[in-house]
Amino acid sequence: MSDTHERPAANGRPAPMDRADIAGLLAGRIGQPHPTNPRPTSPAEPAAPPAVAANPLPTASADAAAVPRLAGLPGELPVSWDVVEDLQARVSQQLTASDPDKLLEEADRRAMAKSLVRNAVADWAAKYAQGNTPLTAEQETTIGNAVFDAMYRGGRLQSLLDEPGVEDVMVDGLRAHVEYHDKPRRTIEKVADSHEELITWVNRMARLSGHGERALTQASPMVGFRMPDGSRVTSSLLTTRPSVVIRKHRIRQHGLAELVRWGSLNPLLEAFLTACVHAKMNVLVVGGMGAGKTSLLRALGREIPPAERLVTLESDRELYLDEPGPKPGPVTFAFEARQSNGERHGAGEVTISDMFDTALRYNATRVIVGEVRSSEIVPMLRSMSAGGSGSMCTLHVRRPHAIISRLVQLCTEAGMATEAAHHLIASAIDVVVYITYLDETGIGGRKHRYISHIYEVHDVVGEGGRPTTTELFTPHGTEVRAVYKNMPSFIGDLELTGKFSRQWLTDNPHKWWGPPLQTVSAR
């Protein structure tokens, strides 16, 4: 089709062009680029926790695209995705020609790319308008945004990730299911033109993220990495169709104060957990899938005093404690595991367990493991027990009463005897925080994440040889969230930090949450 042939329009909008339609348009030359304040406290008289604030819904990340989009869905551009791909290829060539040795800083290189994209889209749109209804400025901006996304962000899936409230994007072949924190799941029928295109997207995102050794192939049919914006990607060829799950981190830079505003904990628990961090209690954060364990662990990590030294160990980078936060933090070395290169016997693989010995030689005062899944539980607990005071980690546990059993299970799977596992757990862990996850989006509600239990683990074994625990905060009456129940044995250590007072536990202990939790099931 010639570029001067009139194309039919639908609803006042030009029909999408395909790759053949734009061959002539792209033949021409594309234009050239012409900190939250810490609460003041004193050991003698710690300040009271702030009053309970309203719980506003989380807002979209500042990283979300600020430019307008037509409909925010893949495939709803005013042109086909082939146009975006061809423009992206042309701009990439120009960018390489302008900076062949990649001497520019990344920020300057991206600024040049944006300029090239603007000129490329304007040049293309001018040729397109010769035989079609001219595009609006908003439509040109949308196309330019899609081209830049294809170069540096999430490509065809980026518009989904930029939607407010998105938590997970699950791609099954060509179809995507989008999970939100405050509304029901939505399904998009087509986010790729073929399975091969989806696999190409996975491998390109892995390269953009600096994980060049991670590729989705028949030799390595499972891969995990993080996107440039920090979202966690897991993909596999072992499913019926190629599949991808993207977990978006909406609260990467937030601390405990934000979790209070969002209703995950209250000011009393904020003060209690802050004091636990400063008193160097070893803390285990547990809960079900998607409960917000990493978000709480990240917030606790941001309470570590700046004079300390911290090592974080993760299979995929999610904590970002080595990046500047709302207030000064400790010197932090962030270790990330490495997947194998796809050869037999796991050649090139480095696990969290493998990194422990090296990490401990960094003379860190604390160690944080993003998530304990298997044999790394033993070096983690040994590190806590042997002097790693103030260390923390997360663990997937379905029910509060199953915490000790889950720990013992992992220890025995790593080769420990049950009795030895009991003693190691008792000597290593001081505090266990359980987060409850209640998803009511399917019945017209929203997702609720809140601390429901906090336990103290004592340095002794009790009946049956199991570690002795005490419920410090548990649900009470109709309140399903954690309220004070028993005084911790280490209350004196908490008061010495100047961050906590035992009087707060006995003064109106059931009022700290404010209004009752608004759930559909409770109405």
Protein backbone atom coordinates (compact mmCIF):
# COMPACT_ATOMS: atom_id res chain seq x y z
CA MET A 1 0.00 0.00 0.00
CA SER A 2 1.36 3.39 -0.98
CA ASP A 3 1.80 6.05 1.69
CA THR A 4 -0.60 8.29 -0.24
CA HIS A 5 -3.47 5.81 -0.31
CA GLU A 6 -6.36 6.76 1.94
CA ARG A 7 -6.84 4.20 4.77
CA PRO A 8 -10.31 3.56 6.23
CA ALA A 9 -10.90 4.93 9.72
CA ALA A 10 -12.97 3.60 12.60
CA ASN A 11 -14.62 5.83 15.20
CA GLY A 12 -12.73 8.79 13.85
CA ARG A 13 -9.33 7.12 14.36
CA PRO A 14 -7.01 5.87 11.60
CA ALA A 15 -6.82 2.11 11.23
CA PRO A 16 -3.59 0.58 12.60
CA MET A 17 -0.81 0.16 10.06
CA ASP A 18 1.16 -3.03 9.73
CA ARG A 19 4.83 -3.60 8.87
CA ALA A 20 4.24 -3.60 5.09
CA ASP A 21 2.34 -0.31 5.27
CA ILE A 22 5.19 1.56 6.90
CA ALA A 23 8.09 0.30 4.80
CA GLY A 24 7.92 3.38 2.61
CA LEU A 25 7.43 5.75 5.55
CA LEU A 26 10.60 4.54 7.23
CA ALA A 27 12.65 4.72 4.06
CA GLY A 28 13.16 8.44 4.52
CA ARG A 29 15.61 10.10 6.90
CA ILE A 30 14.44 10.40 10.49
CA GLY A 31 15.32 13.71 12.08
CA GLN A 32 18.48 14.14 14.13
CA PRO A 33 18.68 15.44 17.60
CA HIS A 34 19.08 19.13 17.32
CA PRO A 35 14.36 12.17 54.57
CA THR A 36 11.58 11.54 57.05
CA ASN A 37 12.90 13.09 60.27
CA PRO A 38 13.56 10.54 63.01
CA ARG A 39 11.28 11.03 65.95
CA PRO A 40 13.23 12.85 68.70
CA THR A 41 13.58 10.59 71.72
CA SER A 42 15.66 10.24 74.85
CA PRO A 43 16.43 7.15 76.92
CA ALA A 44 14.87 8.72 79.98
CA GLU A 45 11.60 9.74 78.37
CA PRO A 46 10.87 8.29 74.93
CA ALA A 47 8.38 10.21 72.88
CA ALA A 48 4.94 8.65 72.53
CA PRO A 49 4.03 7.09 69.21
CA PRO A 50 2.16 9.47 66.90
CA ALA A 51 -1.59 9.39 66.73
CA VAL A 52 -3.19 6.99 64.32
CA ALA A 53 -3.54 8.61 60.91
CA ALA A 54 -6.05 7.89 58.21
CA ASN A 55 -5.13 5.00 55.95
CA PRO A 56 -5.00 6.39 52.40
CA LEU A 57 -4.59 3.99 49.54
CA PRO A 58 -1.05 3.75 48.12
CA THR A 59 -0.50 5.97 45.12
CA ALA A 60 1.18 5.03 41.88
CA SER A 61 4.96 4.97 41.90
CA ALA A 62 6.79 8.10 40.84
CA ASP A 63 8.48 5.91 38.23
CA ALA A 64 5.16 5.47 36.41
CA ALA A 65 5.01 7.18 33.04
CA ALA A 66 3.93 10.80 33.43
CA VAL A 67 2.97 11.26 29.76
CA PRO A 68 -0.59 10.53 28.66
CA ARG A 69 -1.52 7.23 27.04
CA LEU A 70 -4.51 6.46 24.85
CA ALA A 71 -5.97 3.58 26.78
CA GLY A 72 -3.09 2.17 28.79
CA LEU A 73 -3.29 -1.28 27.20
CA PRO A 74 -0.96 -3.08 24.83
CA GLY A 75 -2.32 -3.16 21.29
CA GLU A 76 -4.43 -0.02 21.79
CA LEU A 77 -1.92 2.29 20.16
CA PRO A 78 -3.14 4.21 17.10
CA VAL A 79 -0.76 2.02 15.08
CA SER A 80 0.26 -1.62 15.24
CA TRP A 81 3.13 -2.73 17.45
CA ASP A 82 5.19 -3.36 14.29
CA VAL A 83 5.43 0.40 13.87
CA VAL A 84 6.86 0.79 17.37
CA GLU A 85 9.39 -1.99 16.77
CA ASP A 86 10.59 -0.47 13.50
CA LEU A 87 10.88 3.00 15.01
CA GLN A 88 12.74 1.52 17.97
CA ALA A 89 15.18 -0.25 15.64
CA ARG A 90 15.79 2.94 13.66
CA VAL A 91 16.36 5.05 16.79
CA SER A 92 18.69 2.41 18.24
CA GLN A 93 20.80 2.56 15.08
CA GLN A 94 20.99 6.34 15.31
CA LEU A 95 21.90 6.18 18.98
CA THR A 96 24.71 3.73 18.29
CA ALA A 97 26.00 5.94 15.47
CA SER A 98 25.93 9.01 17.74
CA ASP A 99 27.72 7.28 20.64
CA PRO A 100 29.46 4.20 19.19
CA ASP A 101 31.83 3.69 22.12
CA LYS A 102 29.12 4.32 24.74
CA LEU A 103 31.13 7.10 26.35
CA LEU A 104 28.04 8.97 27.52
CA GLU A 105 26.71 8.51 31.02
CA GLU A 106 23.54 6.43 31.12
CA ALA A 107 21.38 9.46 31.99
CA ASP A 108 22.81 11.44 29.05
CA ARG A 109 22.40 8.47 26.72
CA ARG A 110 18.74 8.15 27.65
CA ALA A 111 18.23 11.88 27.20
CA MET A 112 19.69 11.60 23.70
CA ALA A 113 17.43 8.60 23.04
CA LYS A 114 14.36 10.61 24.07
CA SER A 115 15.35 13.39 21.68
CA LEU A 116 15.88 10.90 18.86
CA VAL A 117 12.53 9.27 19.59
CA ARG A 118 10.68 12.58 19.48
CA ASN A 119 12.22 13.46 16.11
CA ALA A 120 11.67 9.96 14.75
CA VAL A 121 7.99 9.94 15.67
CA ALA A 122 7.43 13.47 14.37
CA ASP A 123 9.07 12.57 11.05
CA TRP A 124 7.07 9.35 10.76
CA ALA A 125 3.81 11.08 11.70
CA ALA A 126 4.34 13.74 9.04
CA LYS A 127 4.69 11.07 6.34
CA TYR A 128 1.75 9.11 7.77
CA ALA A 129 -0.48 12.20 7.55
CA GLN A 130 0.06 12.48 3.80
CA GLY A 131 -2.52 9.76 3.16
CA ASN A 132 -4.29 9.32 6.50
CA THR A 133 -6.04 11.27 9.20
CA PRO A 134 -3.25 13.15 11.01
CA LEU A 135 -2.42 11.92 14.49
CA THR A 136 -3.10 14.14 17.45
CA ALA A 137 -0.29 15.40 19.67
CA GLU A 138 -1.47 12.97 22.35
CA GLN A 139 -1.28 10.06 19.93
CA GLU A 140 2.23 11.02 18.85
CA THR A 141 3.26 11.24 22.49
CA THR A 142 1.78 7.79 23.11
CA ILE A 143 3.74 6.30 20.21
CA GLY A 144 6.95 7.99 21.37
CA ASN A 145 6.42 6.72 24.88
CA ALA A 146 5.94 3.19 23.52
CA VAL A 147 9.16 3.45 21.49
CA PHE A 148 11.14 4.58 24.55
CA ASP A 149 9.53 1.80 26.63
CA ALA A 150 10.67 -0.71 24.03
CA MET A 151 14.23 0.56 24.37
CA TYR A 152 14.64 1.07 28.10
CA ARG A 153 11.60 -0.09 30.02
CA GLY A 154 9.09 -2.92 29.84
CA GLY A 155 8.20 -2.65 26.19
CA ARG A 156 4.76 -3.85 25.29
CA LEU A 157 3.92 -4.71 28.92
CA GLN A 158 5.01 -1.35 30.36
CA SER A 159 1.59 0.27 30.04
CA LEU A 160 0.19 -2.45 32.31
CA LEU A 161 2.97 -1.98 34.86
CA ASP A 162 2.34 1.77 34.89
CA GLU A 163 -1.31 1.41 35.87
CA PRO A 164 -2.02 2.61 39.43
CA GLY A 165 -2.46 -0.18 41.96
CA VAL A 166 -0.89 -2.96 39.88
CA GLU A 167 0.82 -5.65 41.94
CA ASP A 168 1.28 -8.57 39.54
CA VAL A 169 1.17 -9.10 35.79
CA MET A 170 0.82 -12.78 34.86
CA VAL A 171 1.32 -13.67 31.21
CA ASP A 172 0.15 -17.05 29.96
CA GLY A 173 1.15 -17.37 26.34
CA LEU A 174 -0.38 -14.32 24.65
CA ARG A 175 -2.89 -13.49 27.40
CA ALA A 176 -2.16 -11.42 30.52
CA HIS A 177 -3.94 -11.34 33.89
CA VAL A 178 -3.39 -8.19 35.95
CA GLU A 179 -3.72 -8.21 39.75
CA TYR A 180 -4.41 -4.98 41.66
CA HIS A 181 -4.26 -4.19 45.35
CA ASP A 182 -7.69 -2.57 45.41
CA LYS A 183 -9.82 -4.10 42.65
CA PRO A 184 -10.50 -7.44 40.96
CA ARG A 185 -8.21 -9.12 38.45
CA ARG A 186 -8.42 -7.97 34.82
CA THR A 187 -7.59 -10.06 31.75
CA ILE A 188 -6.04 -8.70 28.53
CA GLU A 189 -6.43 -11.10 25.64
CA LYS A 190 -3.29 -10.23 23.67
CA VAL A 191 0.01 -8.79 24.87
CA ALA A 192 2.26 -10.43 22.27
CA ASP A 193 1.84 -11.55 18.68
CA SER A 194 3.55 -14.91 19.22
CA HIS A 195 5.20 -17.06 21.86
CA GLU A 196 8.55 -16.32 20.22
CA GLU A 197 7.97 -12.60 20.71
CA LEU A 198 7.26 -13.18 24.41
CA ILE A 199 10.46 -15.20 24.84
CA THR A 200 12.42 -12.49 23.02
CA TRP A 201 10.94 -9.93 25.43
CA VAL A 202 12.05 -11.99 28.45
CA ASN A 203 15.62 -12.28 27.21
CA ARG A 204 15.83 -8.62 26.23
CA MET A 205 14.62 -7.56 29.69
CA ALA A 206 17.20 -9.85 31.29
CA ARG A 207 19.95 -8.12 29.30
CA LEU A 208 18.60 -4.65 30.12
CA SER A 209 18.64 -5.60 33.80
CA GLY A 210 22.31 -6.55 33.70
CA HIS A 211 21.62 -10.28 33.90
CA GLY A 212 23.23 -11.25 30.63
CA GLU A 213 23.92 -14.75 31.93
CA ARG A 214 20.21 -15.37 32.44
CA ALA A 215 18.33 -16.42 29.32
CA LEU A 216 15.13 -18.34 28.70
CA THR A 217 16.08 -21.23 26.40
CA GLN A 218 15.40 -24.92 26.08
CA ALA A 219 18.69 -25.51 27.92
CA SER A 220 17.60 -23.20 30.78
CA PRO A 221 13.78 -23.25 30.70
CA MET A 222 13.35 -21.24 33.92
CA VAL A 223 14.73 -17.79 34.57
CA GLY A 224 14.35 -15.04 37.14
CA PHE A 225 15.65 -11.47 37.21
CA ARG A 226 14.60 -7.93 38.00
CA MET A 227 13.51 -5.29 35.52
CA PRO A 228 15.14 -1.84 35.35
CA ASP A 229 12.39 -0.45 37.59
CA GLY A 230 13.03 -3.16 40.19
CA SER A 231 10.03 -5.36 39.36
CA ARG A 232 10.74 -9.07 39.83
CA VAL A 233 10.32 -11.30 36.78
CA THR A 234 9.99 -15.09 36.77
CA SER A 235 9.52 -16.93 33.48
CA SER A 236 9.35 -20.53 32.34
CA LEU A 237 9.05 -22.72 29.25
CA LEU A 238 7.94 -25.69 31.35
CA THR A 239 4.33 -24.51 31.43
CA THR A 240 1.79 -25.37 28.72
CA ARG A 241 2.63 -22.06 27.04
CA PRO A 242 5.56 -19.72 27.74
CA SER A 243 4.68 -17.89 30.95
CA VAL A 244 5.88 -14.78 32.74
CA VAL A 245 4.97 -13.42 36.18
CA ILE A 246 6.00 -9.87 37.05
CA ARG A 247 5.85 -8.77 40.68
CA LYS A 248 5.87 -4.98 40.92
CA HIS A 249 7.43 -3.25 43.93
CA ARG A 250 5.18 -0.28 44.61
CA ILE A 251 6.85 0.83 47.84
CA ARG A 252 10.56 0.45 47.15
CA GLN A 253 11.70 3.55 49.07
CA HIS A 254 9.15 3.59 51.87
CA GLY A 255 9.61 2.88 55.55
CA LEU A 256 7.55 1.93 58.59
CA ALA A 257 5.69 5.26 58.65
CA GLU A 258 4.18 4.51 55.24
CA LEU A 259 3.14 1.03 56.38
CA VAL A 260 1.33 2.69 59.29
CA ARG A 261 -0.54 5.01 56.92
CA TRP A 262 -1.53 2.04 54.76
CA GLY A 263 -2.83 0.08 57.74
CA SER A 264 -0.25 -2.74 57.82
CA LEU A 265 0.77 -1.81 61.36
CA ASN A 266 -0.13 0.83 63.93
CA PRO A 267 2.02 3.43 65.73
CA LEU A 268 2.53 1.15 68.74
CA LEU A 269 3.84 -1.68 66.56
CA GLU A 270 5.93 0.81 64.59
CA ALA A 271 7.61 1.95 67.82
CA PHE A 272 7.98 -1.63 69.08
CA LEU A 273 9.61 -2.90 65.88
CA THR A 274 11.84 0.17 65.60
CA ALA A 275 13.05 -0.47 69.14
CA CYS A 276 13.63 -4.15 68.30
CA VAL A 277 15.89 -3.11 65.42
CA HIS A 278 17.85 -0.67 67.60
CA ALA A 279 18.09 -3.23 70.40
CA LYS A 280 19.59 -5.67 67.87
CA MET A 281 16.91 -8.31 68.19
CA ASN A 282 17.08 -11.05 65.55
CA VAL A 283 13.78 -10.74 63.68
CA LEU A 284 12.01 -13.25 61.45
CA VAL A 285 9.22 -11.86 59.20
CA VAL A 286 6.77 -14.55 58.08
CA GLY A 287 3.49 -14.83 56.22
CA GLY A 288 1.86 -16.24 53.11
CA MET A 289 2.59 -15.51 49.47
CA GLY A 290 2.12 -11.83 48.64
CA ALA A 291 1.59 -10.83 52.26
CA GLY A 292 4.15 -8.02 52.14
CA LYS A 293 7.05 -9.71 53.94
CA THR A 294 9.70 -8.08 51.77
CA SER A 295 8.10 -4.65 52.17
CA LEU A 296 8.19 -4.95 55.96
CA LEU A 297 11.74 -6.33 55.94
CA ARG A 298 12.87 -3.44 53.75
CA ALA A 299 11.21 -0.94 56.11
CA LEU A 300 12.87 -2.56 59.13
CA GLY A 301 16.22 -2.46 57.34
CA ARG A 302 15.85 1.28 56.89
CA GLU A 303 15.71 1.64 60.69
CA ILE A 304 19.26 0.26 61.12
CA PRO A 305 21.52 3.03 62.50
CA PRO A 306 23.93 4.56 59.94
CA ALA A 307 27.00 3.72 62.07
CA GLU A 308 26.60 -0.02 61.40
CA ARG A 309 27.66 -2.31 58.54
CA LEU A 310 25.05 -4.38 56.73
CA VAL A 311 25.18 -7.27 54.26
CA THR A 312 22.05 -8.32 52.34
CA LEU A 313 21.79 -11.69 50.59
CA GLU A 314 19.06 -12.20 47.98
CA SER A 315 18.24 -14.58 45.17
CA ASP A 316 16.81 -11.58 43.27
CA ARG A 317 17.41 -8.01 44.33
CA GLU A 318 14.32 -6.61 46.07
CA LEU A 319 15.44 -4.87 49.26
CA TYR A 320 17.50 -2.01 47.75
CA LEU A 321 18.93 -1.13 51.15
CA ASP A 322 22.21 -0.13 49.48
CA GLU A 323 20.37 2.73 47.77
CA PRO A 324 19.66 6.09 49.45
CA GLY A 325 16.48 5.98 51.52
CA PRO A 326 14.37 8.56 53.34
CA LYS A 327 17.09 8.88 55.98
CA PRO A 328 20.79 7.91 56.26
CA GLY A 329 21.43 4.19 56.53
CA PRO A 330 24.38 1.90 57.27
CA VAL A 331 27.18 1.01 54.89
CA THR A 332 25.51 -1.78 52.91
CA PHE A 333 26.85 -4.49 50.62
CA ALA A 334 24.05 -6.06 48.59
CA PHE A 335 24.83 -9.60 47.39
CA GLU A 336 22.70 -11.20 44.70
CA ALA A 337 22.71 -14.87 43.75
CA ARG A 338 23.55 -15.92 40.21
CA GLN A 339 21.74 -18.51 38.16
CA SER A 340 23.61 -21.19 36.23
CA ASN A 341 24.54 -20.65 32.60
CA GLY A 342 22.24 -23.45 31.52
CA GLU A 343 24.87 -26.17 31.41
CA ARG A 344 24.62 -29.39 33.38
CA HIS A 345 25.58 -29.54 37.06
CA GLY A 346 24.64 -25.86 37.54
CA ALA A 347 27.83 -24.40 36.08
CA GLY A 348 28.24 -20.77 37.12
CA GLU A 349 25.49 -20.90 39.73
CA VAL A 350 26.02 -19.04 43.01
CA THR A 351 23.38 -19.58 45.71
CA ILE A 352 22.63 -17.66 48.90
CA SER A 353 24.30 -20.47 50.87
CA ASP A 354 27.41 -20.08 48.70
CA MET A 355 27.58 -16.35 49.46
CA PHE A 356 27.39 -16.63 53.24
CA ASP A 357 31.07 -17.29 53.94
CA THR A 358 32.18 -14.38 51.74
CA ALA A 359 29.52 -12.07 53.15
CA LEU A 360 30.55 -12.76 56.75
CA ARG A 361 34.13 -11.77 55.90
CA TYR A 362 32.86 -8.26 55.25
CA ASN A 363 32.71 -7.85 59.04
CA ALA A 364 29.06 -6.86 58.89
CA THR A 365 27.30 -6.11 62.15
CA ARG A 366 24.08 -7.49 60.65
CA VAL A 367 23.01 -9.87 57.91
CA ILE A 368 19.66 -9.72 56.13
CA VAL A 369 18.44 -12.55 53.89
CA GLY A 370 15.67 -11.47 51.55
CA GLU A 371 13.90 -14.81 51.69
CA VAL A 372 14.90 -18.14 53.21
CA ARG A 373 13.69 -20.98 51.03
CA SER A 374 15.94 -23.98 51.62
CA SER A 375 19.41 -24.86 52.91
CA GLU A 376 20.40 -21.22 53.52
CA ILE A 377 18.34 -21.44 56.72
CA VAL A 378 21.21 -23.16 58.51
CA PRO A 379 23.96 -20.57 57.85
CA MET A 380 21.40 -17.83 58.53
CA LEU A 381 20.47 -19.21 61.94
CA ARG A 382 24.11 -19.96 62.78
CA SER A 383 25.01 -16.39 61.89
CA MET A 384 22.27 -15.10 64.21
CA SER A 385 23.26 -17.49 66.98
CA ALA A 386 26.99 -16.80 66.76
CA GLY A 387 26.79 -13.07 67.25
CA GLY A 388 24.91 -11.64 64.27
CA SER A 389 22.69 -9.60 66.56
CA GLY A 390 20.06 -7.60 64.76
CA SER A 391 19.95 -9.87 61.72
CA MET A 392 16.69 -10.41 59.85
CA CYS A 393 15.10 -12.58 57.17
CA THR A 394 11.72 -13.60 55.74
CA LEU A 395 10.13 -17.01 55.49
CA HIS A 396 7.00 -18.27 53.75
CA VAL A 397 4.60 -19.76 56.33
CA ARG A 398 0.89 -20.33 55.73
CA ARG A 399 -0.33 -20.20 59.36
CA PRO A 400 1.05 -18.54 62.52
CA HIS A 401 1.06 -21.79 64.52
CA ALA A 402 3.24 -23.49 61.88
CA ILE A 403 6.26 -21.17 62.18
CA ILE A 404 8.49 -23.41 64.32
CA SER A 405 7.51 -26.50 62.35
CA ARG A 406 8.44 -24.77 59.10
CA LEU A 407 11.83 -23.75 60.46
CA VAL A 408 12.52 -27.29 61.69
CA GLN A 409 11.47 -28.71 58.34
CA LEU A 410 13.98 -26.57 56.46
CA CYS A 411 16.75 -27.37 58.93
CA THR A 412 16.16 -31.12 58.70
CA GLU A 413 16.02 -30.95 54.90
CA ALA A 414 19.45 -29.30 55.09
CA GLY A 415 20.75 -32.30 57.03
CA MET A 416 20.32 -31.28 60.68
CA ALA A 417 18.85 -33.55 63.33
CA THR A 418 15.51 -32.36 64.73
CA GLU A 419 16.86 -31.85 68.25
CA ALA A 420 19.78 -29.81 66.95
CA ALA A 421 17.39 -27.73 64.85
CA HIS A 422 15.27 -26.96 67.91
CA HIS A 423 18.29 -25.72 69.87
CA LEU A 424 19.59 -23.66 66.94
CA ILE A 425 16.23 -21.96 66.42
CA ALA A 426 15.90 -21.19 70.15
CA SER A 427 19.37 -19.64 70.32
CA ALA A 428 19.08 -17.65 67.08
CA ILE A 429 15.65 -15.99 66.81
CA ASP A 430 14.29 -13.38 69.22
CA VAL A 431 11.15 -12.04 67.52
CA VAL A 432 8.79 -13.46 64.90
CA VAL A 433 6.39 -11.11 63.07
CA TYR A 434 3.48 -12.70 61.21
CA ILE A 435 1.69 -10.77 58.43
CA THR A 436 -1.84 -11.78 57.48
CA TYR A 437 -2.97 -11.33 53.88
CA LEU A 438 -6.72 -11.07 53.23
CA ASP A 439 -7.78 -10.69 49.58
CA GLU A 440 -11.40 -9.53 49.18
CA THR A 441 -11.13 -8.10 45.67
CA GLY A 442 -13.17 -11.02 44.33
CA ILE A 443 -16.17 -10.03 46.49
CA GLY A 444 -16.01 -6.29 45.97
CA GLY A 445 -13.46 -5.40 48.64
CA ARG A 446 -9.72 -4.80 48.56
CA LYS A 447 -6.57 -6.52 49.69
CA HIS A 448 -5.65 -6.21 53.36
CA ARG A 449 -2.16 -6.79 54.72
CA TYR A 450 -1.62 -6.35 58.43
CA ILE A 451 0.47 -7.67 61.30
CA SER A 452 -1.68 -10.12 63.23
CA HIS A 453 0.85 -11.86 65.53
CA ILE A 454 4.20 -11.12 67.13
CA TYR A 455 5.98 -13.85 69.11
CA GLU A 456 9.02 -13.91 71.34
CA VAL A 457 11.23 -17.00 70.93
CA HIS A 458 13.05 -17.83 74.16
CA ASP A 459 16.57 -19.21 74.38
CA VAL A 460 15.34 -22.45 75.94
CA VAL A 461 13.57 -25.56 74.70
CA GLY A 462 10.40 -26.67 76.41
CA GLU A 463 8.02 -29.59 76.27
CA GLY A 464 8.85 -32.03 73.49
CA GLY A 465 12.19 -30.35 72.97
CA ARG A 466 10.64 -27.51 70.97
CA PRO A 467 11.64 -23.85 71.42
CA THR A 468 9.50 -21.96 73.93
CA THR A 469 7.51 -19.03 72.54
CA THR A 470 5.34 -16.29 74.02
CA GLU A 471 2.57 -14.38 72.25
CA LEU A 472 3.40 -10.69 72.59
CA PHE A 473 0.73 -9.32 70.22
CA THR A 474 -2.25 -11.31 68.90
CA PRO A 475 -5.82 -10.73 67.67
CA HIS A 476 -8.25 -9.85 70.46
CA GLY A 477 -12.04 -10.18 70.38
CA THR A 478 -13.34 -8.77 67.11
CA GLU A 479 -9.98 -7.13 66.35
CA VAL A 480 -8.19 -9.42 63.88
CA ARG A 481 -5.02 -7.31 63.95
CA ALA A 482 -2.27 -7.62 66.55
CA VAL A 483 -2.93 -6.06 69.96
CA TYR A 484 -0.80 -6.28 73.09
CA LYS A 485 -1.05 -9.47 75.14
CA ASN A 486 2.18 -10.20 77.09
CA MET A 487 5.20 -8.17 78.17
CA PRO A 488 8.40 -9.22 76.35
CA SER A 489 11.25 -10.46 78.53
CA PHE A 490 13.58 -8.02 76.73
CA ILE A 491 11.48 -4.92 77.50
CA GLY A 492 14.45 -3.44 79.36
CA ASP A 493 16.57 -3.65 76.20
CA LEU A 494 13.86 -1.87 74.23
CA GLU A 495 13.65 0.96 76.76
CA LEU A 496 17.42 1.43 76.70
CA THR A 497 17.19 2.34 73.02
CA GLY A 498 15.11 5.39 73.89
CA LYS A 499 12.57 4.32 71.29
CA PHE A 500 10.03 2.58 73.52
CA SER A 501 8.32 2.60 76.90
CA ARG A 502 6.58 -0.29 78.62
CA GLN A 503 3.88 2.15 79.67
CA TRP A 504 2.66 2.25 76.05
CA LEU A 505 1.77 -1.43 76.29
CA THR A 506 -0.53 -1.00 79.26
CA ASP A 507 -2.18 2.31 78.31
CA ASN A 508 -5.27 1.56 76.19
CA PRO A 509 -3.57 -1.35 74.41
CA HIS A 510 -6.58 -2.11 72.18
CA LYS A 511 -7.03 1.45 70.90
CA TRP A 512 -3.85 1.77 68.86
CA TRP A 513 -5.41 0.51 65.65
CA GLY A 514 -8.06 3.20 65.56
CA PRO A 515 -11.23 2.36 63.56
CA PRO A 516 -12.04 -1.33 63.00
CA LEU A 517 -10.68 -2.97 59.87
CA GLN A 518 -13.22 -2.45 57.09
CA THR A 519 -13.65 -5.77 55.34
CA VAL A 520 -16.52 -7.06 53.22
CA SER A 521 -16.83 -10.18 55.36
CA ALA A 522 -17.24 -8.08 58.51
CA ARG A 523 -20.09 -5.97 57.16
